[in-house]
Amino acid sequence: MSNHIEQIVQEIQQGDIEQFRTVIQQFQRQIYVYCKCLLNDKDQAEDAVQEIFIKSYQDMNSYSPTVSFQAWLYKIAYNHCLNLNKKKARDRKLFNIFKELYRPSLQHHIDSSSELQDLLNPLSMEEKHILLLRAVEEYTYDEIAEVMDLKPATIRKKYERLRKKLKNEHHAQEGGYIHESAFHKSRG
């Protein structure tokens, strides 16, 4: 089988895109099971399989037979699932920050990432960027300043304004209590 797949891959690299159907038929089930195990989510695994095959097709010319095609494909799948899990962890962390931030009023109301997105929508792109880097990724003000090409003091001030803005918006909408632990101050 290995030589057969290598021949098919070579034909794809030479422009025979119809041969990619064979690759999909050969590996789709295996990649799905692999993704389902890594992601623990049937629907997300199905989406991941499609994205992995698209990526493998787009990167087909970078494949070299120094490793088996199957190993190369699994590496793409692994990296894709790893990135999805990292995103899921970031989303979960951000969700928990907002649960803390708007305690207790949102603890029973935020159930999905779309609701979390609704909370982020009023923020500018810059505010979202600062919030994510500081509160979720736990960057220091110096690190955020480097990423955004600004001074650390400017970032610190923008973050403090953002905290006040979120507090004021929440008090205006819900009259709820914003827990200070939602805005950690661990790293300066």
N, C-alpha and C. Protein backbone atom coordinates (compact mmCIF):
# COMPACT_ATOMS: atom_id res chain seq x y z
N MET A 1 0.82 -1.20 0.00
CA MET A 1 0.00 0.00 0.00
C MET A 1 0.86 1.26 0.00
N SER A 2 1.95 1.23 0.74
CA SER A 2 2.78 2.41 0.88
C SER A 2 3.31 2.89 -0.47
N ASN A 3 3.81 1.95 -1.29
CA ASN A 3 4.31 2.34 -2.61
C ASN A 3 3.19 2.86 -3.49
N HIS A 4 2.01 2.26 -3.35
CA HIS A 4 0.84 2.68 -4.13
C HIS A 4 0.47 4.12 -3.77
N ILE A 5 0.41 4.43 -2.49
CA ILE A 5 0.07 5.79 -2.04
C ILE A 5 1.15 6.77 -2.47
N GLU A 6 2.40 6.37 -2.36
CA GLU A 6 3.50 7.25 -2.78
C GLU A 6 3.38 7.59 -4.26
N GLN A 7 2.98 6.62 -5.07
CA GLN A 7 2.79 6.85 -6.50
C GLN A 7 1.64 7.81 -6.74
N ILE A 8 0.55 7.63 -6.00
CA ILE A 8 -0.61 8.52 -6.13
C ILE A 8 -0.23 9.94 -5.73
N VAL A 9 0.51 10.07 -4.64
CA VAL A 9 0.94 11.39 -4.18
C VAL A 9 1.81 12.06 -5.23
N GLN A 10 2.69 11.30 -5.84
CA GLN A 10 3.55 11.84 -6.89
C GLN A 10 2.70 12.34 -8.07
N GLU A 11 1.66 11.60 -8.42
CA GLU A 11 0.77 12.02 -9.51
C GLU A 11 0.03 13.31 -9.14
N ILE A 12 -0.39 13.41 -7.88
CA ILE A 12 -1.06 14.64 -7.42
C ILE A 12 -0.09 15.81 -7.51
N GLN A 13 1.14 15.60 -7.09
CA GLN A 13 2.14 16.66 -7.15
C GLN A 13 2.42 17.09 -8.58
N GLN A 14 2.19 16.20 -9.53
CA GLN A 14 2.41 16.52 -10.94
C GLN A 14 1.15 17.09 -11.59
N GLY A 15 0.09 17.28 -10.79
CA GLY A 15 -1.08 17.97 -11.31
C GLY A 15 -2.34 17.15 -11.46
N ASP A 16 -2.30 15.86 -11.18
CA ASP A 16 -3.49 15.02 -11.31
C ASP A 16 -4.33 15.12 -10.04
N ILE A 17 -5.15 16.17 -9.97
CA ILE A 17 -5.90 16.43 -8.74
C ILE A 17 -6.98 15.38 -8.47
N GLU A 18 -7.43 14.69 -9.50
CA GLU A 18 -8.44 13.65 -9.31
C GLU A 18 -7.93 12.53 -8.40
N GLN A 19 -6.62 12.33 -8.40
CA GLN A 19 -6.04 11.28 -7.56
C GLN A 19 -6.19 11.59 -6.07
N PHE A 20 -6.47 12.83 -5.74
CA PHE A 20 -6.61 13.18 -4.33
C PHE A 20 -7.83 12.49 -3.72
N ARG A 21 -8.81 12.15 -4.55
CA ARG A 21 -9.98 11.39 -4.06
C ARG A 21 -9.53 10.07 -3.44
N THR A 22 -8.56 9.45 -4.07
CA THR A 22 -8.04 8.17 -3.56
C THR A 22 -7.41 8.36 -2.18
N VAL A 23 -6.68 9.45 -2.03
CA VAL A 23 -6.05 9.74 -0.73
C VAL A 23 -7.13 9.92 0.33
N ILE A 24 -8.16 10.68 -0.01
CA ILE A 24 -9.25 10.91 0.95
C ILE A 24 -9.92 9.58 1.31
N GLN A 25 -10.24 8.79 0.29
CA GLN A 25 -10.90 7.50 0.54
C GLN A 25 -10.02 6.59 1.41
N GLN A 26 -8.74 6.64 1.17
CA GLN A 26 -7.80 5.77 1.89
C GLN A 26 -7.66 6.15 3.37
N PHE A 27 -7.66 7.46 3.66
CA PHE A 27 -7.30 7.90 5.01
C PHE A 27 -8.41 8.61 5.79
N GLN A 28 -9.53 8.90 5.16
CA GLN A 28 -10.57 9.70 5.82
C GLN A 28 -11.03 9.08 7.14
N ARG A 29 -11.32 7.82 7.15
CA ARG A 29 -11.83 7.16 8.37
C ARG A 29 -10.77 7.18 9.47
N GLN A 30 -9.53 6.86 9.12
CA GLN A 30 -8.45 6.83 10.11
C GLN A 30 -8.23 8.22 10.72
N ILE A 31 -8.21 9.23 9.89
CA ILE A 31 -7.99 10.59 10.37
C ILE A 31 -9.16 11.04 11.23
N TYR A 32 -10.37 10.65 10.85
CA TYR A 32 -11.55 11.00 11.65
C TYR A 32 -11.45 10.39 13.05
N VAL A 33 -11.15 9.10 13.13
CA VAL A 33 -11.04 8.43 14.43
C VAL A 33 -9.95 9.09 15.27
N TYR A 34 -8.84 9.39 14.63
CA TYR A 34 -7.72 10.05 15.32
C TYR A 34 -8.16 11.41 15.87
N CYS A 35 -8.80 12.21 15.04
CA CYS A 35 -9.26 13.54 15.46
C CYS A 35 -10.32 13.45 16.56
N LYS A 36 -11.21 12.49 16.42
CA LYS A 36 -12.26 12.33 17.43
C LYS A 36 -11.65 12.00 18.79
N CYS A 37 -10.61 11.19 18.79
CA CYS A 37 -9.93 10.86 20.05
C CYS A 37 -9.22 12.07 20.64
N LEU A 38 -8.59 12.86 19.79
CA LEU A 38 -7.86 14.04 20.28
C LEU A 38 -8.78 15.17 20.70
N LEU A 39 -9.90 15.32 20.01
CA LEU A 39 -10.78 16.47 20.25
C LEU A 39 -11.96 16.16 21.17
N ASN A 40 -12.27 14.89 21.32
CA ASN A 40 -13.42 14.48 22.15
C ASN A 40 -14.73 15.14 21.70
N ASP A 41 -14.87 15.33 20.41
CA ASP A 41 -16.06 15.99 19.89
C ASP A 41 -16.29 15.52 18.46
N LYS A 42 -17.39 14.81 18.23
CA LYS A 42 -17.69 14.23 16.92
C LYS A 42 -17.80 15.30 15.83
N ASP A 43 -18.57 16.34 16.10
CA ASP A 43 -18.77 17.39 15.09
C ASP A 43 -17.48 18.13 14.79
N GLN A 44 -16.73 18.44 15.83
CA GLN A 44 -15.47 19.14 15.62
C GLN A 44 -14.49 18.25 14.86
N ALA A 45 -14.52 16.95 15.13
CA ALA A 45 -13.65 16.02 14.41
C ALA A 45 -14.00 15.97 12.93
N GLU A 46 -15.30 15.97 12.62
CA GLU A 46 -15.72 15.96 11.21
C GLU A 46 -15.22 17.21 10.49
N ASP A 47 -15.37 18.36 11.13
CA ASP A 47 -14.87 19.61 10.54
C ASP A 47 -13.36 19.57 10.39
N ALA A 48 -12.69 19.04 11.41
CA ALA A 48 -11.23 18.99 11.39
C ALA A 48 -10.73 18.14 10.24
N VAL A 49 -11.38 17.02 9.98
CA VAL A 49 -10.97 16.13 8.89
C VAL A 49 -11.00 16.88 7.56
N GLN A 50 -12.07 17.61 7.32
CA GLN A 50 -12.15 18.39 6.08
C GLN A 50 -11.02 19.41 6.00
N GLU A 51 -10.78 20.11 7.09
CA GLU A 51 -9.73 21.13 7.10
C GLU A 51 -8.35 20.51 6.93
N ILE A 52 -8.15 19.33 7.50
CA ILE A 52 -6.86 18.64 7.39
C ILE A 52 -6.61 18.22 5.95
N PHE A 53 -7.63 17.69 5.28
CA PHE A 53 -7.45 17.29 3.89
C PHE A 53 -7.24 18.49 2.98
N ILE A 54 -7.91 19.58 3.26
CA ILE A 54 -7.68 20.80 2.48
C ILE A 54 -6.24 21.25 2.66
N LYS A 55 -5.78 21.27 3.91
CA LYS A 55 -4.41 21.70 4.19
C LYS A 55 -3.40 20.76 3.54
N SER A 56 -3.66 19.46 3.63
CA SER A 56 -2.72 18.51 3.04
C SER A 56 -2.66 18.67 1.52
N TYR A 57 -3.81 18.96 0.91
CA TYR A 57 -3.81 19.19 -0.54
C TYR A 57 -3.03 20.46 -0.89
N GLN A 58 -3.26 21.52 -0.11
CA GLN A 58 -2.56 22.78 -0.36
C GLN A 58 -1.06 22.65 -0.16
N ASP A 59 -0.66 21.78 0.77
CA ASP A 59 0.76 21.62 1.09
C ASP A 59 1.38 20.41 0.40
N MET A 60 0.66 19.81 -0.52
CA MET A 60 1.11 18.57 -1.15
C MET A 60 2.51 18.68 -1.75
N ASN A 61 2.83 19.81 -2.33
CA ASN A 61 4.15 19.96 -2.95
C ASN A 61 5.28 20.02 -1.92
N SER A 62 4.93 20.26 -0.66
CA SER A 62 5.98 20.27 0.37
C SER A 62 6.24 18.86 0.91
N TYR A 63 5.39 17.90 0.53
CA TYR A 63 5.62 16.53 0.98
C TYR A 63 6.82 15.95 0.27
N SER A 64 7.66 15.29 1.06
CA SER A 64 8.83 14.61 0.53
C SER A 64 8.81 13.17 1.03
N PRO A 65 9.10 12.20 0.17
CA PRO A 65 9.01 10.80 0.59
C PRO A 65 10.09 10.36 1.57
N THR A 66 10.74 11.29 2.26
CA THR A 66 11.69 10.91 3.30
C THR A 66 10.96 10.31 4.50
N VAL A 67 9.67 10.64 4.65
CA VAL A 67 8.79 10.00 5.64
C VAL A 67 7.58 9.47 4.88
N SER A 68 6.87 8.54 5.47
CA SER A 68 5.70 8.01 4.78
C SER A 68 4.64 9.09 4.66
N PHE A 69 3.83 8.98 3.62
CA PHE A 69 2.75 9.95 3.43
C PHE A 69 1.80 9.91 4.61
N GLN A 70 1.53 8.72 5.11
CA GLN A 70 0.62 8.58 6.24
C GLN A 70 1.17 9.33 7.46
N ALA A 71 2.45 9.21 7.73
CA ALA A 71 3.05 9.93 8.87
C ALA A 71 2.94 11.43 8.66
N TRP A 72 3.17 11.87 7.43
CA TRP A 72 3.07 13.31 7.10
C TRP A 72 1.65 13.80 7.32
N LEU A 73 0.67 13.02 6.88
CA LEU A 73 -0.74 13.38 7.04
C LEU A 73 -1.13 13.42 8.52
N TYR A 74 -0.66 12.45 9.29
CA TYR A 74 -0.95 12.43 10.72
C TYR A 74 -0.30 13.61 11.44
N LYS A 75 0.84 14.03 10.97
CA LYS A 75 1.49 15.20 11.58
C LYS A 75 0.63 16.44 11.36
N ILE A 76 0.08 16.59 10.16
CA ILE A 76 -0.83 17.71 9.88
C ILE A 76 -2.05 17.61 10.79
N ALA A 77 -2.60 16.42 10.91
CA ALA A 77 -3.78 16.21 11.76
C ALA A 77 -3.46 16.53 13.22
N TYR A 78 -2.32 16.07 13.69
CA TYR A 78 -1.93 16.33 15.08
C TYR A 78 -1.81 17.83 15.34
N ASN A 79 -1.09 18.53 14.47
CA ASN A 79 -0.91 19.97 14.66
C ASN A 79 -2.24 20.72 14.58
N HIS A 80 -3.10 20.30 13.68
CA HIS A 80 -4.41 20.95 13.54
C HIS A 80 -5.23 20.75 14.82
N CYS A 81 -5.28 19.53 15.31
CA CYS A 81 -6.04 19.24 16.53
C CYS A 81 -5.43 19.94 17.74
N LEU A 82 -4.12 20.00 17.78
CA LEU A 82 -3.44 20.71 18.87
C LEU A 82 -3.85 22.18 18.87
N ASN A 83 -3.87 22.79 17.70
CA ASN A 83 -4.29 24.19 17.60
C ASN A 83 -5.75 24.38 17.99
N LEU A 84 -6.60 23.45 17.59
CA LEU A 84 -8.02 23.53 17.98
C LEU A 84 -8.18 23.41 19.49
N ASN A 85 -7.43 22.50 20.09
CA ASN A 85 -7.51 22.34 21.55
C ASN A 85 -6.97 23.56 22.28
N LYS A 86 -5.92 24.17 21.74
CA LYS A 86 -5.40 25.40 22.34
C LYS A 86 -6.45 26.50 22.26
N LYS A 87 -7.10 26.60 21.11
CA LYS A 87 -8.15 27.62 20.96
C LYS A 87 -9.30 27.34 21.92
N LYS A 88 -9.67 26.07 22.04
CA LYS A 88 -10.75 25.70 22.95
C LYS A 88 -10.37 26.07 24.39
N ALA A 89 -9.11 25.82 24.76
CA ALA A 89 -8.65 26.15 26.11
C ALA A 89 -8.66 27.66 26.33
N ARG A 90 -8.24 28.43 25.30
CA ARG A 90 -8.28 29.90 25.41
C ARG A 90 -9.71 30.39 25.55
N ASP A 91 -10.61 29.82 24.74
CA ASP A 91 -12.02 30.20 24.82
C ASP A 91 -12.59 29.88 26.20
N ARG A 92 -12.25 28.70 26.71
CA ARG A 92 -12.73 28.30 28.03
C ARG A 92 -12.19 29.23 29.11
N LYS A 93 -10.91 29.60 28.98
CA LYS A 93 -10.30 30.51 29.96
C LYS A 93 -10.97 31.88 29.89
N LEU A 94 -11.20 32.36 28.69
CA LEU A 94 -11.86 33.65 28.52
C LEU A 94 -13.29 33.59 29.05
N PHE A 95 -13.96 32.50 28.79
CA PHE A 95 -15.31 32.30 29.31
C PHE A 95 -15.30 32.37 30.84
N ASN A 96 -14.34 31.71 31.46
CA ASN A 96 -14.24 31.72 32.92
C ASN A 96 -13.91 33.11 33.45
N ILE A 97 -13.10 33.85 32.71
CA ILE A 97 -12.80 35.23 33.11
C ILE A 97 -14.08 36.05 33.11
N PHE A 98 -14.89 35.91 32.07
CA PHE A 98 -16.13 36.66 32.02
C PHE A 98 -17.12 36.19 33.09
N LYS A 99 -17.11 34.90 33.39
CA LYS A 99 -17.98 34.42 34.47
C LYS A 99 -17.58 35.08 35.78
N GLU A 100 -16.28 35.16 36.02
CA GLU A 100 -15.79 35.82 37.24
C GLU A 100 -16.09 37.31 37.19
N LEU A 101 -15.87 37.88 36.03
CA LEU A 101 -16.02 39.32 35.86
C LEU A 101 -17.44 39.77 36.17
N TYR A 102 -18.39 39.01 35.69
CA TYR A 102 -19.78 39.40 35.83
C TYR A 102 -20.52 38.56 36.88
N ARG A 103 -19.82 38.11 37.85
CA ARG A 103 -20.41 37.31 38.91
C ARG A 103 -21.42 38.13 39.68
N PRO A 104 -22.54 37.65 40.09
CA PRO A 104 -23.09 36.33 39.80
C PRO A 104 -24.02 36.33 38.60
N SER A 105 -24.30 37.46 38.01
CA SER A 105 -25.39 37.55 37.04
C SER A 105 -25.19 36.71 35.79
N LEU A 106 -23.94 36.50 35.36
CA LEU A 106 -23.75 35.74 34.12
C LEU A 106 -23.49 34.26 34.35
N GLN A 107 -23.27 33.85 35.57
CA GLN A 107 -22.91 32.45 35.79
C GLN A 107 -23.98 31.50 35.28
N HIS A 108 -25.19 31.94 35.24
CA HIS A 108 -26.26 31.06 34.78
C HIS A 108 -26.74 31.44 33.38
N HIS A 109 -26.11 32.41 32.77
CA HIS A 109 -26.61 32.90 31.49
C HIS A 109 -25.66 32.64 30.32
N ILE A 110 -24.38 32.51 30.56
CA ILE A 110 -23.44 32.29 29.45
C ILE A 110 -23.26 30.80 29.26
N ASP A 111 -23.73 30.29 28.15
CA ASP A 111 -23.64 28.87 27.90
C ASP A 111 -22.91 28.53 26.61
N SER A 112 -22.60 29.51 25.81
CA SER A 112 -21.99 29.20 24.52
C SER A 112 -20.95 30.23 24.14
N SER A 113 -20.13 29.83 23.17
CA SER A 113 -19.12 30.76 22.69
C SER A 113 -19.77 31.94 21.97
N SER A 114 -20.98 31.75 21.42
CA SER A 114 -21.65 32.88 20.76
C SER A 114 -22.06 33.92 21.79
N GLU A 115 -22.48 33.47 22.98
CA GLU A 115 -22.81 34.43 24.03
C GLU A 115 -21.56 35.13 24.53
N LEU A 116 -20.46 34.39 24.59
CA LEU A 116 -19.19 35.00 24.97
C LEU A 116 -18.79 36.04 23.93
N GLN A 117 -19.00 35.71 22.66
CA GLN A 117 -18.69 36.66 21.60
C GLN A 117 -19.53 37.92 21.73
N ASP A 118 -20.78 37.76 22.15
CA ASP A 118 -21.64 38.93 22.36
C ASP A 118 -21.06 39.85 23.43
N LEU A 119 -20.42 39.27 24.42
CA LEU A 119 -19.80 40.09 25.46
C LEU A 119 -18.59 40.86 24.92
N LEU A 120 -17.90 40.24 23.95
CA LEU A 120 -16.71 40.88 23.39
C LEU A 120 -17.05 41.89 22.30
N ASN A 121 -18.20 41.75 21.67
CA ASN A 121 -18.56 42.60 20.53
C ASN A 121 -18.44 44.10 20.78
N PRO A 122 -18.85 44.62 21.95
CA PRO A 122 -18.75 46.07 22.14
C PRO A 122 -17.31 46.59 22.21
N LEU A 123 -16.37 45.68 22.40
CA LEU A 123 -14.98 46.11 22.53
C LEU A 123 -14.36 46.37 21.16
N SER A 124 -13.46 47.34 21.11
CA SER A 124 -12.73 47.59 19.87
C SER A 124 -11.74 46.45 19.66
N MET A 125 -11.20 46.36 18.46
CA MET A 125 -10.21 45.33 18.15
C MET A 125 -9.01 45.46 19.09
N GLU A 126 -8.58 46.69 19.33
CA GLU A 126 -7.44 46.92 20.22
C GLU A 126 -7.75 46.47 21.64
N GLU A 127 -8.97 46.77 22.11
CA GLU A 127 -9.36 46.37 23.47
C GLU A 127 -9.42 44.84 23.60
N LYS A 128 -9.98 44.18 22.59
CA LYS A 128 -10.02 42.72 22.61
C LYS A 128 -8.61 42.15 22.65
N HIS A 129 -7.74 42.74 21.83
CA HIS A 129 -6.36 42.29 21.74
C HIS A 129 -5.68 42.41 23.10
N ILE A 130 -5.82 43.55 23.73
CA ILE A 130 -5.20 43.77 25.04
C ILE A 130 -5.79 42.82 26.08
N LEU A 131 -7.12 42.68 26.09
CA LEU A 131 -7.78 41.80 27.05
C LEU A 131 -7.31 40.36 26.88
N LEU A 132 -7.27 39.88 25.66
CA LEU A 132 -6.86 38.50 25.41
C LEU A 132 -5.40 38.27 25.80
N LEU A 133 -4.54 39.20 25.42
CA LEU A 133 -3.12 39.02 25.75
C LEU A 133 -2.88 39.10 27.26
N ARG A 134 -3.53 40.03 27.91
CA ARG A 134 -3.29 40.24 29.34
C ARG A 134 -4.02 39.20 30.20
N ALA A 135 -5.31 39.06 30.00
CA ALA A 135 -6.11 38.22 30.90
C ALA A 135 -6.08 36.73 30.53
N VAL A 136 -6.03 36.43 29.25
CA VAL A 136 -6.07 35.03 28.83
C VAL A 136 -4.67 34.46 28.67
N GLU A 137 -3.85 35.13 27.89
CA GLU A 137 -2.50 34.64 27.64
C GLU A 137 -1.52 35.00 28.76
N GLU A 138 -1.95 35.88 29.66
CA GLU A 138 -1.17 36.31 30.81
C GLU A 138 0.17 36.96 30.42
N TYR A 139 0.15 37.76 29.37
CA TYR A 139 1.32 38.52 28.97
C TYR A 139 1.54 39.65 29.97
N THR A 140 2.79 40.03 30.13
CA THR A 140 3.10 41.21 30.93
C THR A 140 2.80 42.45 30.09
N TYR A 141 2.77 43.61 30.75
CA TYR A 141 2.58 44.85 30.00
C TYR A 141 3.73 45.04 29.02
N ASP A 142 4.93 44.69 29.42
CA ASP A 142 6.09 44.82 28.52
C ASP A 142 5.93 43.94 27.28
N GLU A 143 5.44 42.71 27.48
CA GLU A 143 5.26 41.79 26.35
C GLU A 143 4.17 42.29 25.40
N ILE A 144 3.08 42.78 25.98
CA ILE A 144 2.00 43.31 25.14
C ILE A 144 2.49 44.53 24.38
N ALA A 145 3.26 45.38 25.06
CA ALA A 145 3.80 46.58 24.41
C ALA A 145 4.67 46.20 23.22
N GLU A 146 5.45 45.14 23.38
CA GLU A 146 6.31 44.69 22.29
C GLU A 146 5.47 44.20 21.11
N VAL A 147 4.44 43.43 21.39
CA VAL A 147 3.56 42.90 20.34
C VAL A 147 2.86 44.04 19.60
N MET A 148 2.39 45.03 20.37
CA MET A 148 1.58 46.10 19.78
C MET A 148 2.40 47.32 19.38
N ASP A 149 3.69 47.26 19.62
CA ASP A 149 4.59 48.36 19.29
C ASP A 149 4.17 49.66 19.98
N LEU A 150 3.89 49.53 21.28
CA LEU A 150 3.54 50.68 22.12
C LEU A 150 4.39 50.63 23.38
N LYS A 151 4.30 51.68 24.18
CA LYS A 151 5.05 51.72 25.43
C LYS A 151 4.28 50.93 26.50
N PRO A 152 5.00 50.27 27.42
CA PRO A 152 4.33 49.53 28.49
C PRO A 152 3.38 50.40 29.32
N ALA A 153 3.76 51.63 29.57
CA ALA A 153 2.89 52.53 30.34
C ALA A 153 1.58 52.79 29.59
N THR A 154 1.66 52.87 28.28
CA THR A 154 0.46 53.08 27.45
C THR A 154 -0.45 51.86 27.55
N ILE A 155 0.13 50.68 27.48
CA ILE A 155 -0.64 49.44 27.59
C ILE A 155 -1.30 49.35 28.96
N ARG A 156 -0.54 49.66 30.00
CA ARG A 156 -1.08 49.61 31.36
C ARG A 156 -2.29 50.53 31.48
N LYS A 157 -2.16 51.74 30.95
CA LYS A 157 -3.25 52.72 31.01
C LYS A 157 -4.47 52.23 30.22
N LYS A 158 -4.23 51.69 29.02
CA LYS A 158 -5.33 51.18 28.19
C LYS A 158 -6.04 50.02 28.88
N TYR A 159 -5.27 49.19 29.54
CA TYR A 159 -5.87 48.05 30.25
C TYR A 159 -6.72 48.53 31.42
N GLU A 160 -6.22 49.51 32.15
CA GLU A 160 -7.00 50.05 33.27
C GLU A 160 -8.30 50.69 32.77
N ARG A 161 -8.22 51.41 31.65
CA ARG A 161 -9.43 52.00 31.06
C ARG A 161 -10.41 50.90 30.62
N LEU A 162 -9.87 49.84 30.07
CA LEU A 162 -10.69 48.72 29.63
C LEU A 162 -11.40 48.08 30.83
N ARG A 163 -10.69 47.89 31.92
CA ARG A 163 -11.31 47.35 33.13
C ARG A 163 -12.46 48.24 33.59
N LYS A 164 -12.22 49.54 33.61
CA LYS A 164 -13.27 50.48 34.04
C LYS A 164 -14.45 50.43 33.07
N LYS A 165 -14.15 50.37 31.79
CA LYS A 165 -15.21 50.33 30.78
C LYS A 165 -16.08 49.09 30.98
N LEU A 166 -15.45 47.95 31.18
CA LEU A 166 -16.21 46.72 31.38
C LEU A 166 -17.04 46.77 32.66
N LYS A 167 -16.45 47.32 33.70
CA LYS A 167 -17.19 47.46 34.96
C LYS A 167 -18.40 48.37 34.76
N ASN A 168 -18.18 49.52 34.14
CA ASN A 168 -19.27 50.48 33.93
C ASN A 168 -20.37 49.92 33.04
N GLU A 169 -19.98 49.24 31.95
CA GLU A 169 -20.97 48.66 31.05
C GLU A 169 -21.80 47.62 31.77
N HIS A 170 -21.13 46.81 32.56
CA HIS A 170 -21.87 45.77 33.26
C HIS A 170 -22.81 46.36 34.31
N HIS A 171 -22.33 47.32 35.06
CA HIS A 171 -23.18 47.96 36.06
C HIS A 171 -24.38 48.63 35.40
N ALA A 172 -24.17 49.23 34.25
CA ALA A 172 -25.26 49.91 33.55
C ALA A 172 -26.29 48.89 33.04
N GLN A 173 -25.81 47.74 32.56
CA GLN A 173 -26.72 46.75 31.98
C GLN A 173 -27.38 45.87 33.04
N GLU A 174 -26.59 45.39 33.99
CA GLU A 174 -27.09 44.38 34.91
C GLU A 174 -27.15 44.83 36.36
N GLY A 175 -26.42 45.85 36.69
CA GLY A 175 -26.34 46.24 38.09
C GLY A 175 -25.62 45.19 38.91
N GLY A 176 -24.82 44.35 38.25
CA GLY A 176 -24.15 43.25 38.94
C GLY A 176 -22.80 43.61 39.49
N TYR A 177 -22.24 42.68 40.18
CA TYR A 177 -20.95 42.85 40.83
C TYR A 177 -19.86 42.26 39.94
N ILE A 178 -18.81 43.02 39.73
CA ILE A 178 -17.67 42.52 38.96
C ILE A 178 -16.58 42.15 39.94
N HIS A 179 -16.22 40.91 39.92
CA HIS A 179 -15.23 40.41 40.86
C HIS A 179 -13.83 40.82 40.40
N GLU A 180 -13.05 41.39 41.30
CA GLU A 180 -11.72 41.89 40.96
C GLU A 180 -10.77 40.79 40.50
N SER A 181 -10.97 39.55 40.95
CA SER A 181 -10.05 38.49 40.55
C SER A 181 -10.12 38.21 39.05
N ALA A 182 -11.16 38.69 38.41
CA ALA A 182 -11.26 38.51 36.97
C ALA A 182 -10.17 39.26 36.24
N PHE A 183 -9.67 40.30 36.85
CA PHE A 183 -8.58 41.08 36.26
C PHE A 183 -7.33 40.83 37.08
N HIS A 184 -6.67 39.71 36.83
CA HIS A 184 -5.49 39.40 37.63
C HIS A 184 -4.44 40.47 37.44
N LYS A 185 -3.62 40.65 38.41
CA LYS A 185 -2.52 41.61 38.33
C LYS A 185 -1.23 40.90 38.66
N SER A 186 -1.13 39.63 38.31
CA SER A 186 -0.02 38.81 38.76
C SER A 186 1.31 39.22 38.15
N ARG A 187 1.33 39.51 36.86
CA ARG A 187 2.60 39.83 36.20
C ARG A 187 2.56 41.27 35.74
N GLY A 188 3.62 42.01 36.02
CA GLY A 188 3.65 43.42 35.65
C GLY A 188 4.40 43.64 34.46
